[in-house]
Amino acid sequence: MADIIIAAHGTLAEGLKNAAGLIVGEPENLKCMSLCPGDNIEDFIQDMKDTVQTAEHDVLILTDLLGASPYNGAAYTISGCKDQRVVCVSGVNLSMVIEAVLKREEKAIEELAEDLAKTGREGIQKLSRNMERSER
């Protein structure tokens, strides 16, 4: 079992949670952390650390952008965890959130994180319709 944190810029985290709820029902033990203009990054990181420290299970942190502030906050939080398993996966999308909610009870957190990274990559596809114009 894993508790889930979605940490992202603006209202993305809440939007992903709401969308997942429409598809699989209201997710439990899923916290949204939004970093908005004017927010203090130290407060954001402290909130993440507090959330992880009070979690009853392993913690999966899903962030929007590799190397951005929410991701860096997760890295800082993970570096301070000694007795708890905490894993971060960046590039969160709706497919990843849905899979995390549905499979977090049946998979170990490391395996779940690997599966989510794969799901995220596989869920990004290009669809186009190429048409050539015929000159008459």
N, C-alpha and C. Protein backbone atom coordinates (compact mmCIF):
# COMPACT_ATOMS: atom_id res chain seq x y z
N MET A 1 0.85 -1.19 0.00
CA MET A 1 0.00 0.00 0.00
C MET A 1 0.89 1.24 0.00
N ALA A 2 0.47 2.23 -0.72
CA ALA A 2 1.22 3.48 -0.77
C ALA A 2 0.27 4.67 -0.67
N ASP A 3 0.67 5.64 0.11
CA ASP A 3 0.01 6.93 0.08
C ASP A 3 0.57 7.67 -1.13
N ILE A 4 -0.24 8.54 -1.72
CA ILE A 4 0.17 9.24 -2.93
C ILE A 4 0.13 10.74 -2.70
N ILE A 5 1.18 11.41 -3.17
CA ILE A 5 1.21 12.87 -3.22
C ILE A 5 1.38 13.26 -4.69
N ILE A 6 0.51 14.14 -5.16
CA ILE A 6 0.72 14.74 -6.48
C ILE A 6 1.19 16.16 -6.22
N ALA A 7 2.41 16.47 -6.62
CA ALA A 7 3.00 17.79 -6.39
C ALA A 7 3.27 18.43 -7.75
N ALA A 8 2.63 19.58 -7.98
CA ALA A 8 2.73 20.18 -9.30
C ALA A 8 2.51 21.69 -9.23
N HIS A 9 2.78 22.34 -10.34
CA HIS A 9 2.58 23.78 -10.46
C HIS A 9 1.10 24.10 -10.68
N GLY A 10 0.67 25.22 -10.14
CA GLY A 10 -0.70 25.69 -10.36
C GLY A 10 -1.72 24.70 -9.84
N THR A 11 -2.78 24.51 -10.60
CA THR A 11 -3.89 23.65 -10.17
C THR A 11 -3.84 22.26 -10.81
N LEU A 12 -2.72 21.91 -11.40
CA LEU A 12 -2.61 20.62 -12.09
C LEU A 12 -2.89 19.44 -11.16
N ALA A 13 -2.31 19.44 -9.97
CA ALA A 13 -2.47 18.31 -9.05
C ALA A 13 -3.94 18.07 -8.73
N GLU A 14 -4.65 19.13 -8.37
CA GLU A 14 -6.07 19.00 -8.04
C GLU A 14 -6.87 18.56 -9.26
N GLY A 15 -6.52 19.06 -10.43
CA GLY A 15 -7.20 18.66 -11.65
C GLY A 15 -7.02 17.18 -11.95
N LEU A 16 -5.80 16.68 -11.76
CA LEU A 16 -5.55 15.25 -11.98
C LEU A 16 -6.33 14.39 -10.98
N LYS A 17 -6.37 14.83 -9.73
CA LYS A 17 -7.12 14.09 -8.72
C LYS A 17 -8.60 14.07 -9.07
N ASN A 18 -9.15 15.21 -9.44
CA ASN A 18 -10.57 15.28 -9.79
C ASN A 18 -10.89 14.41 -11.00
N ALA A 19 -10.04 14.47 -12.03
CA ALA A 19 -10.26 13.66 -13.23
C ALA A 19 -10.18 12.17 -12.90
N ALA A 20 -9.21 11.77 -12.09
CA ALA A 20 -9.10 10.37 -11.69
C ALA A 20 -10.34 9.94 -10.92
N GLY A 21 -10.85 10.82 -10.08
CA GLY A 21 -12.05 10.52 -9.32
C GLY A 21 -13.26 10.26 -10.20
N LEU A 22 -13.36 10.95 -11.31
CA LEU A 22 -14.46 10.72 -12.25
C LEU A 22 -14.39 9.33 -12.86
N ILE A 23 -13.19 8.83 -13.02
CA ILE A 23 -12.99 7.55 -13.72
C ILE A 23 -12.98 6.36 -12.77
N VAL A 24 -12.31 6.48 -11.62
CA VAL A 24 -12.16 5.33 -10.72
C VAL A 24 -12.77 5.55 -9.34
N GLY A 25 -13.45 6.66 -9.14
CA GLY A 25 -13.99 6.96 -7.82
C GLY A 25 -13.01 7.80 -7.02
N GLU A 26 -13.51 8.42 -5.97
CA GLU A 26 -12.71 9.33 -5.15
C GLU A 26 -11.53 8.58 -4.52
N PRO A 27 -10.30 8.96 -4.89
CA PRO A 27 -9.13 8.27 -4.34
C PRO A 27 -8.87 8.65 -2.88
N GLU A 28 -8.57 7.65 -2.07
CA GLU A 28 -8.22 7.88 -0.67
C GLU A 28 -6.70 7.97 -0.54
N ASN A 29 -6.27 8.58 0.54
CA ASN A 29 -4.84 8.72 0.83
C ASN A 29 -4.08 9.30 -0.36
N LEU A 30 -4.67 10.31 -0.98
CA LEU A 30 -4.03 11.02 -2.08
C LEU A 30 -4.09 12.51 -1.76
N LYS A 31 -2.92 13.10 -1.60
CA LYS A 31 -2.83 14.52 -1.26
C LYS A 31 -2.31 15.29 -2.46
N CYS A 32 -2.92 16.44 -2.71
CA CYS A 32 -2.47 17.34 -3.77
C CYS A 32 -1.67 18.47 -3.15
N MET A 33 -0.54 18.76 -3.75
CA MET A 33 0.29 19.88 -3.32
C MET A 33 0.51 20.78 -4.52
N SER A 34 0.02 22.00 -4.41
CA SER A 34 0.09 22.95 -5.52
C SER A 34 1.10 24.04 -5.20
N LEU A 35 1.98 24.30 -6.15
CA LEU A 35 2.94 25.40 -6.02
C LEU A 35 2.50 26.50 -6.98
N CYS A 36 2.06 27.60 -6.39
CA CYS A 36 1.50 28.70 -7.18
C CYS A 36 2.39 29.93 -7.08
N PRO A 37 2.20 30.89 -7.99
CA PRO A 37 3.00 32.12 -7.94
C PRO A 37 2.89 32.78 -6.56
N GLY A 38 4.03 33.16 -6.03
CA GLY A 38 4.08 33.81 -4.72
C GLY A 38 4.21 32.86 -3.55
N ASP A 39 4.05 31.55 -3.78
CA ASP A 39 4.21 30.58 -2.70
C ASP A 39 5.68 30.49 -2.29
N ASN A 40 5.90 30.21 -1.03
CA ASN A 40 7.24 30.06 -0.49
C ASN A 40 7.68 28.61 -0.67
N ILE A 41 8.76 28.40 -1.39
CA ILE A 41 9.23 27.04 -1.68
C ILE A 41 9.63 26.30 -0.41
N GLU A 42 10.17 27.01 0.57
CA GLU A 42 10.55 26.35 1.83
C GLU A 42 9.31 25.82 2.54
N ASP A 43 8.21 26.59 2.52
CA ASP A 43 6.96 26.13 3.12
C ASP A 43 6.41 24.92 2.37
N PHE A 44 6.51 24.95 1.06
CA PHE A 44 6.06 23.84 0.21
C PHE A 44 6.82 22.57 0.57
N ILE A 45 8.14 22.67 0.68
CA ILE A 45 8.97 21.51 1.02
C ILE A 45 8.66 21.02 2.42
N GLN A 46 8.49 21.93 3.36
CA GLN A 46 8.18 21.53 4.74
C GLN A 46 6.85 20.80 4.80
N ASP A 47 5.86 21.28 4.05
CA ASP A 47 4.56 20.61 4.00
C ASP A 47 4.71 19.20 3.43
N MET A 48 5.55 19.06 2.41
CA MET A 48 5.78 17.74 1.83
C MET A 48 6.46 16.82 2.84
N LYS A 49 7.48 17.33 3.52
CA LYS A 49 8.17 16.54 4.54
C LYS A 49 7.21 16.11 5.64
N ASP A 50 6.37 17.04 6.11
CA ASP A 50 5.40 16.73 7.16
C ASP A 50 4.42 15.66 6.70
N THR A 51 3.96 15.77 5.47
CA THR A 51 3.02 14.80 4.92
C THR A 51 3.66 13.42 4.86
N VAL A 52 4.89 13.35 4.41
CA VAL A 52 5.59 12.07 4.31
C VAL A 52 5.82 11.48 5.70
N GLN A 53 6.24 12.31 6.65
CA GLN A 53 6.55 11.82 7.99
C GLN A 53 5.32 11.29 8.72
N THR A 54 4.14 11.82 8.41
CA THR A 54 2.92 11.37 9.08
C THR A 54 2.16 10.30 8.29
N ALA A 55 2.68 9.91 7.15
CA ALA A 55 2.02 8.89 6.34
C ALA A 55 2.07 7.54 7.04
N GLU A 56 1.01 6.77 6.86
CA GLU A 56 0.93 5.45 7.47
C GLU A 56 1.57 4.36 6.62
N HIS A 57 1.83 4.68 5.36
CA HIS A 57 2.35 3.68 4.42
C HIS A 57 3.57 4.24 3.70
N ASP A 58 4.08 3.46 2.75
CA ASP A 58 5.08 3.99 1.83
C ASP A 58 4.46 5.17 1.10
N VAL A 59 5.30 6.04 0.56
CA VAL A 59 4.78 7.24 -0.10
C VAL A 59 5.29 7.31 -1.53
N LEU A 60 4.37 7.52 -2.45
CA LEU A 60 4.66 7.73 -3.85
C LEU A 60 4.40 9.19 -4.16
N ILE A 61 5.43 9.90 -4.61
CA ILE A 61 5.29 11.31 -4.98
C ILE A 61 5.32 11.40 -6.50
N LEU A 62 4.28 11.97 -7.07
CA LEU A 62 4.19 12.18 -8.51
C LEU A 62 4.34 13.67 -8.77
N THR A 63 5.32 14.05 -9.57
CA THR A 63 5.56 15.47 -9.85
C THR A 63 5.38 15.75 -11.33
N ASP A 64 5.19 17.04 -11.64
CA ASP A 64 4.91 17.40 -13.03
C ASP A 64 6.16 17.47 -13.90
N LEU A 65 7.20 18.12 -13.45
CA LEU A 65 8.37 18.34 -14.30
C LEU A 65 9.67 17.89 -13.62
N LEU A 66 10.45 17.13 -14.32
CA LEU A 66 11.77 16.74 -13.85
C LEU A 66 12.62 17.98 -13.64
N GLY A 67 13.19 18.12 -12.46
CA GLY A 67 14.10 19.23 -12.17
C GLY A 67 13.43 20.52 -11.74
N ALA A 68 12.10 20.57 -11.75
CA ALA A 68 11.40 21.78 -11.32
C ALA A 68 11.21 21.76 -9.80
N SER A 69 10.69 22.83 -9.25
CA SER A 69 10.60 22.98 -7.80
C SER A 69 9.86 21.85 -7.09
N PRO A 70 8.69 21.38 -7.55
CA PRO A 70 8.06 20.25 -6.86
C PRO A 70 8.93 18.99 -6.87
N TYR A 71 9.59 18.73 -7.98
CA TYR A 71 10.49 17.59 -8.07
C TYR A 71 11.68 17.77 -7.11
N ASN A 72 12.26 18.95 -7.10
CA ASN A 72 13.38 19.21 -6.20
C ASN A 72 12.95 19.10 -4.75
N GLY A 73 11.73 19.52 -4.45
CA GLY A 73 11.19 19.36 -3.10
C GLY A 73 11.06 17.89 -2.73
N ALA A 74 10.63 17.08 -3.68
CA ALA A 74 10.54 15.64 -3.45
C ALA A 74 11.93 15.04 -3.21
N ALA A 75 12.90 15.47 -4.01
CA ALA A 75 14.27 14.97 -3.84
C ALA A 75 14.81 15.32 -2.47
N TYR A 76 14.55 16.54 -2.03
CA TYR A 76 15.00 16.97 -0.70
C TYR A 76 14.30 16.15 0.38
N THR A 77 13.01 15.94 0.21
CA THR A 77 12.24 15.15 1.18
C THR A 77 12.76 13.72 1.25
N ILE A 78 12.97 13.11 0.10
CA ILE A 78 13.46 11.73 0.05
C ILE A 78 14.83 11.61 0.70
N SER A 79 15.68 12.60 0.49
CA SER A 79 17.04 12.54 1.07
C SER A 79 17.02 12.54 2.59
N GLY A 80 15.96 13.05 3.18
CA GLY A 80 15.85 13.09 4.64
C GLY A 80 15.13 11.90 5.24
N CYS A 81 14.65 10.99 4.42
CA CYS A 81 13.91 9.82 4.91
C CYS A 81 14.87 8.67 5.16
N LYS A 82 14.89 8.22 6.39
CA LYS A 82 15.80 7.14 6.73
C LYS A 82 15.05 5.82 6.96
N ASP A 83 13.88 5.88 7.57
CA ASP A 83 13.15 4.67 7.93
C ASP A 83 11.88 4.47 7.13
N GLN A 84 11.77 5.16 6.03
CA GLN A 84 10.53 5.11 5.27
C GLN A 84 10.85 5.01 3.78
N ARG A 85 10.03 4.25 3.07
CA ARG A 85 10.23 4.13 1.63
C ARG A 85 9.41 5.20 0.92
N VAL A 86 10.11 6.08 0.23
CA VAL A 86 9.49 7.17 -0.51
C VAL A 86 10.11 7.19 -1.89
N VAL A 87 9.26 7.22 -2.92
CA VAL A 87 9.73 7.19 -4.30
C VAL A 87 9.03 8.31 -5.06
N CYS A 88 9.76 8.94 -5.98
CA CYS A 88 9.20 10.00 -6.80
C CYS A 88 9.27 9.60 -8.27
N VAL A 89 8.19 9.89 -8.99
CA VAL A 89 8.15 9.72 -10.44
C VAL A 89 7.72 11.05 -11.03
N SER A 90 8.50 11.56 -11.98
CA SER A 90 8.17 12.85 -12.59
C SER A 90 7.38 12.64 -13.88
N GLY A 91 6.83 13.74 -14.40
CA GLY A 91 6.09 13.70 -15.65
C GLY A 91 4.67 13.18 -15.50
N VAL A 92 4.07 13.41 -14.36
CA VAL A 92 2.75 12.84 -14.05
C VAL A 92 1.71 13.20 -15.11
N ASN A 93 0.90 12.20 -15.43
CA ASN A 93 -0.26 12.42 -16.30
C ASN A 93 -1.42 11.60 -15.75
N LEU A 94 -2.59 11.76 -16.33
CA LEU A 94 -3.79 11.12 -15.79
C LEU A 94 -3.69 9.60 -15.79
N SER A 95 -3.11 9.02 -16.82
CA SER A 95 -2.94 7.56 -16.86
C SER A 95 -2.13 7.06 -15.67
N MET A 96 -1.10 7.79 -15.32
CA MET A 96 -0.25 7.41 -14.20
C MET A 96 -1.01 7.50 -12.88
N VAL A 97 -1.79 8.55 -12.70
CA VAL A 97 -2.55 8.71 -11.45
C VAL A 97 -3.56 7.58 -11.31
N ILE A 98 -4.28 7.28 -12.37
CA ILE A 98 -5.27 6.21 -12.33
C ILE A 98 -4.60 4.88 -11.98
N GLU A 99 -3.49 4.57 -12.64
CA GLU A 99 -2.80 3.31 -12.35
C GLU A 99 -2.28 3.28 -10.92
N ALA A 100 -1.76 4.39 -10.44
CA ALA A 100 -1.26 4.44 -9.06
C ALA A 100 -2.38 4.15 -8.07
N VAL A 101 -3.53 4.76 -8.28
CA VAL A 101 -4.67 4.56 -7.39
C VAL A 101 -5.15 3.11 -7.43
N LEU A 102 -5.21 2.53 -8.60
CA LEU A 102 -5.73 1.17 -8.75
C LEU A 102 -4.76 0.08 -8.31
N LYS A 103 -3.46 0.32 -8.42
CA LYS A 103 -2.49 -0.76 -8.18
C LYS A 103 -1.63 -0.57 -6.94
N ARG A 104 -1.85 0.49 -6.18
CA ARG A 104 -0.97 0.75 -5.04
C ARG A 104 -1.09 -0.26 -3.91
N GLU A 105 -2.18 -1.01 -3.88
CA GLU A 105 -2.34 -2.01 -2.82
C GLU A 105 -1.72 -3.35 -3.18
N GLU A 106 -1.52 -3.59 -4.45
CA GLU A 106 -1.05 -4.90 -4.88
C GLU A 106 0.43 -4.95 -5.27
N LYS A 107 1.07 -3.80 -5.37
CA LYS A 107 2.47 -3.78 -5.80
C LYS A 107 3.35 -3.08 -4.78
N ALA A 108 4.59 -3.55 -4.69
CA ALA A 108 5.58 -2.85 -3.87
C ALA A 108 5.85 -1.50 -4.52
N ILE A 109 6.22 -0.53 -3.72
CA ILE A 109 6.32 0.84 -4.20
C ILE A 109 7.35 1.00 -5.32
N GLU A 110 8.47 0.31 -5.25
CA GLU A 110 9.48 0.41 -6.30
C GLU A 110 8.95 -0.14 -7.63
N GLU A 111 8.28 -1.27 -7.56
CA GLU A 111 7.69 -1.86 -8.77
C GLU A 111 6.59 -0.96 -9.33
N LEU A 112 5.78 -0.41 -8.44
CA LEU A 112 4.72 0.50 -8.86
C LEU A 112 5.31 1.72 -9.57
N ALA A 113 6.36 2.28 -9.00
CA ALA A 113 7.00 3.45 -9.62
C ALA A 113 7.53 3.12 -11.01
N GLU A 114 8.15 1.96 -11.17
CA GLU A 114 8.64 1.54 -12.49
C GLU A 114 7.48 1.40 -13.48
N ASP A 115 6.40 0.79 -13.03
CA ASP A 115 5.24 0.62 -13.90
C ASP A 115 4.64 1.96 -14.30
N LEU A 116 4.59 2.90 -13.37
CA LEU A 116 4.02 4.22 -13.66
C LEU A 116 4.87 4.97 -14.68
N ALA A 117 6.18 4.88 -14.56
CA ALA A 117 7.05 5.54 -15.53
C ALA A 117 6.80 4.96 -16.93
N LYS A 118 6.64 3.65 -17.00
CA LYS A 118 6.35 3.00 -18.28
C LYS A 118 4.98 3.43 -18.81
N THR A 119 3.99 3.44 -17.95
CA THR A 119 2.64 3.86 -18.35
C THR A 119 2.65 5.29 -18.87
N GLY A 120 3.38 6.16 -18.18
CA GLY A 120 3.46 7.55 -18.61
C GLY A 120 4.04 7.68 -20.00
N ARG A 121 5.13 6.94 -20.25
CA ARG A 121 5.76 6.98 -21.58
C ARG A 121 4.84 6.41 -22.65
N GLU A 122 4.23 5.28 -22.35
CA GLU A 122 3.39 4.61 -23.35
C GLU A 122 2.10 5.37 -23.63
N GLY A 123 1.67 6.19 -22.69
CA GLY A 123 0.43 6.94 -22.87
C GLY A 123 0.59 8.17 -23.74
N ILE A 124 1.80 8.47 -24.12
CA ILE A 124 2.05 9.63 -24.97
C ILE A 124 2.24 9.13 -26.39
N GLN A 125 1.27 9.41 -27.21
CA GLN A 125 1.27 8.95 -28.59
C GLN A 125 0.90 10.09 -29.52
N LYS A 126 1.34 9.98 -30.73
CA LYS A 126 1.01 10.97 -31.75
C LYS A 126 -0.08 10.39 -32.64
N LEU A 127 -1.10 11.18 -32.90
CA LEU A 127 -2.16 10.79 -33.82
C LEU A 127 -2.29 11.89 -34.86
N SER A 128 -2.17 11.53 -36.10
CA SER A 128 -2.30 12.56 -37.14
C SER A 128 -2.94 11.95 -38.38
N ARG A 129 -3.38 12.82 -39.21
CA ARG A 129 -3.96 12.39 -40.47
C ARG A 129 -3.25 13.15 -41.57
N ASN A 130 -2.45 12.45 -42.29
CA ASN A 130 -1.71 13.08 -43.39
C ASN A 130 -2.50 12.92 -44.67
N MET A 131 -2.76 14.04 -45.28
CA MET A 131 -3.51 14.02 -46.53
C MET A 131 -2.72 14.77 -47.58
N GLU A 132 -2.64 14.18 -48.73
CA GLU A 132 -2.00 14.86 -49.84
C GLU A 132 -3.08 15.46 -50.72
N ARG A 133 -2.85 16.65 -51.15
CA ARG A 133 -3.80 17.29 -52.06
C ARG A 133 -3.51 16.85 -53.49
N SER A 134 -4.55 16.49 -54.17
CA SER A 134 -4.43 16.14 -55.59
C SER A 134 -4.76 17.38 -56.41
N GLU A 135 -3.88 17.66 -57.29
CA GLU A 135 -4.13 18.79 -58.19
C GLU A 135 -4.93 18.27 -59.37
N ARG A 136 -6.02 18.91 -59.71
CA ARG A 136 -6.82 18.48 -60.87
C ARG A 136 -6.76 19.49 -61.94
